[in-house]
Amino acid sequence: MDIFLQNNCLEHVFQVMSYHPKYLECFMRMQQYLMYGDGPLPFSYRHYIAIMVSEDASCLNCCLKIIVGYIISK
């Protein structure tokens, strides 16, 4: 349910991972740490890299979510 509230939808990958709650919890903590936790790269660099990777993978949906997440959290 927390994933739904964070993303305003339940993407397929989270639907599949929901069958493995421990893995899903670890994945979500890792994602939160990589994008928002303390680290050597500034917040904007992390999002820029994520946007470039999702664009390179031709994942428009991912790219738009990262851009929106970046704008909202500023």
C-alpha atoms as a PDB file:
ATOM      1  CA  MET A   1       0.000   0.000   0.000  1.00  0.00           C
ATOM      2  CA  ASP A   2       2.875   2.397   0.752  1.00  0.00           C
ATOM      3  CA  ILE A   3       4.158   1.911  -2.797  1.00  0.00           C
ATOM      4  CA  PHE A   4       0.785   2.845  -4.211  1.00  0.00           C
ATOM      5  CA  LEU A   5       0.722   6.008  -2.109  1.00  0.00           C
ATOM      6  CA  GLN A   6       4.262   6.989  -3.130  1.00  0.00           C
ATOM      7  CA  ASN A   7       3.760   6.470  -6.859  1.00  0.00           C
ATOM      8  CA  ASN A   8       0.018   7.171  -7.201  1.00  0.00           C
ATOM      9  CA  CYS A   9      -0.265   3.885  -9.069  1.00  0.00           C
ATOM     10  CA  LEU A  10       0.876   0.315  -8.765  1.00  0.00           C
ATOM     11  CA  GLU A  11       3.231  -0.485 -11.617  1.00  0.00           C
ATOM     12  CA  HIS A  12       3.594  -4.023 -12.915  1.00  0.00           C
ATOM     13  CA  VAL A  13       7.045  -4.474 -11.402  1.00  0.00           C
ATOM     14  CA  PHE A  14       5.660  -3.676  -7.942  1.00  0.00           C
ATOM     15  CA  GLN A  15       2.680  -5.959  -8.489  1.00  0.00           C
ATOM     16  CA  VAL A  16       5.054  -8.827  -9.222  1.00  0.00           C
ATOM     17  CA  MET A  17       7.378  -7.969  -6.334  1.00  0.00           C
ATOM     18  CA  SER A  18       4.425  -7.766  -3.952  1.00  0.00           C
ATOM     19  CA  TYR A  19       4.407 -11.586  -4.007  1.00  0.00           C
ATOM     20  CA  HIS A  20       7.818 -11.347  -2.290  1.00  0.00           C
ATOM     21  CA  PRO A  21       7.319  -8.717   0.455  1.00  0.00           C
ATOM     22  CA  LYS A  22      10.810  -9.007   1.952  1.00  0.00           C
ATOM     23  CA  TYR A  23      12.462  -8.450  -1.424  1.00  0.00           C
ATOM     24  CA  LEU A  24      10.085  -5.588  -2.200  1.00  0.00           C
ATOM     25  CA  GLU A  25      10.916  -3.901   1.100  1.00  0.00           C
ATOM     26  CA  CYS A  26      14.672  -4.211   0.419  1.00  0.00           C
ATOM     27  CA  PHE A  27      14.221  -2.912  -3.128  1.00  0.00           C
ATOM     28  CA  MET A  28      12.247   0.111  -1.953  1.00  0.00           C
ATOM     29  CA  ARG A  29      14.807   0.953   0.761  1.00  0.00           C
ATOM     30  CA  MET A  30      17.628   0.659  -1.779  1.00  0.00           C
ATOM     31  CA  GLN A  31      15.807   2.875  -4.281  1.00  0.00           C
ATOM     32  CA  GLN A  32      15.060   5.469  -1.593  1.00  0.00           C
ATOM     33  CA  TYR A  33      18.690   5.477  -0.443  1.00  0.00           C
ATOM     34  CA  LEU A  34      20.111   5.764  -3.975  1.00  0.00           C
ATOM     35  CA  MET A  35      17.876   8.649  -4.978  1.00  0.00           C
ATOM     36  CA  TYR A  36      17.443  10.560  -1.700  1.00  0.00           C
ATOM     37  CA  GLY A  37      19.970   9.274   0.865  1.00  0.00           C
ATOM     38  CA  ASP A  38      23.384  10.621   1.759  1.00  0.00           C
ATOM     39  CA  GLY A  39      25.865   9.941  -0.998  1.00  0.00           C
ATOM     40  CA  PRO A  40      28.751  11.413  -2.942  1.00  0.00           C
ATOM     41  CA  LEU A  41      26.596  12.725  -5.801  1.00  0.00           C
ATOM     42  CA  PRO A  42      24.336  15.749  -5.434  1.00  0.00           C
ATOM     43  CA  PHE A  43      20.591  15.165  -5.591  1.00  0.00           C
ATOM     44  CA  SER A  44      20.257  16.766  -9.037  1.00  0.00           C
ATOM     45  CA  TYR A  45      23.058  14.611 -10.534  1.00  0.00           C
ATOM     46  CA  ARG A  46      21.358  11.414  -9.370  1.00  0.00           C
ATOM     47  CA  HIS A  47      18.115  12.393 -11.019  1.00  0.00           C
ATOM     48  CA  TYR A  48      19.886  13.543 -14.169  1.00  0.00           C
ATOM     49  CA  ILE A  49      21.647  10.160 -14.453  1.00  0.00           C
ATOM     50  CA  ALA A  50      18.351   8.341 -13.833  1.00  0.00           C
ATOM     51  CA  ILE A  51      16.653  10.412 -16.552  1.00  0.00           C
ATOM     52  CA  MET A  52      19.445   9.648 -19.030  1.00  0.00           C
ATOM     53  CA  VAL A  53      19.335   5.912 -18.258  1.00  0.00           C
ATOM     54  CA  SER A  54      15.560   5.713 -18.601  1.00  0.00           C
ATOM     55  CA  GLU A  55      15.735   7.706 -21.840  1.00  0.00           C
ATOM     56  CA  ASP A  56      18.453   5.405 -23.184  1.00  0.00           C
ATOM     57  CA  ALA A  57      16.252   2.408 -22.290  1.00  0.00           C
ATOM     58  CA  SER A  58      13.387   4.083 -24.194  1.00  0.00           C
ATOM     59  CA  CYS A  59      11.233   4.077 -21.080  1.00  0.00           C
ATOM     60  CA  LEU A  60       9.224   7.270 -21.437  1.00  0.00           C
ATOM     61  CA  ASN A  61       7.021   6.393 -18.457  1.00  0.00           C
ATOM     62  CA  CYS A  62      10.076   5.983 -16.203  1.00  0.00           C
ATOM     63  CA  CYS A  63      11.636   9.173 -17.515  1.00  0.00           C
ATOM     64  CA  LEU A  64       8.505  11.218 -16.858  1.00  0.00           C
ATOM     65  CA  LYS A  65       8.131   9.827 -13.325  1.00  0.00           C
ATOM     66  CA  ILE A  66      11.739  10.681 -12.498  1.00  0.00           C
ATOM     67  CA  ILE A  67      11.324  14.213 -13.854  1.00  0.00           C
ATOM     68  CA  VAL A  68       8.089  14.741 -11.906  1.00  0.00           C
ATOM     69  CA  GLY A  69       9.663  13.267  -8.749  1.00  0.00           C
ATOM     70  CA  TYR A  70      12.636  15.592  -9.125  1.00  0.00           C
ATOM     71  CA  ILE A  71      10.455  18.685  -9.585  1.00  0.00           C
ATOM     72  CA  ILE A  72       8.142  17.795  -6.686  1.00  0.00           C
ATOM     73  CA  SER A  73      10.955  17.126  -4.238  1.00  0.00           C
ATOM     74  CA  LYS A  74      12.832  20.366  -4.880  1.00  0.00           C
END
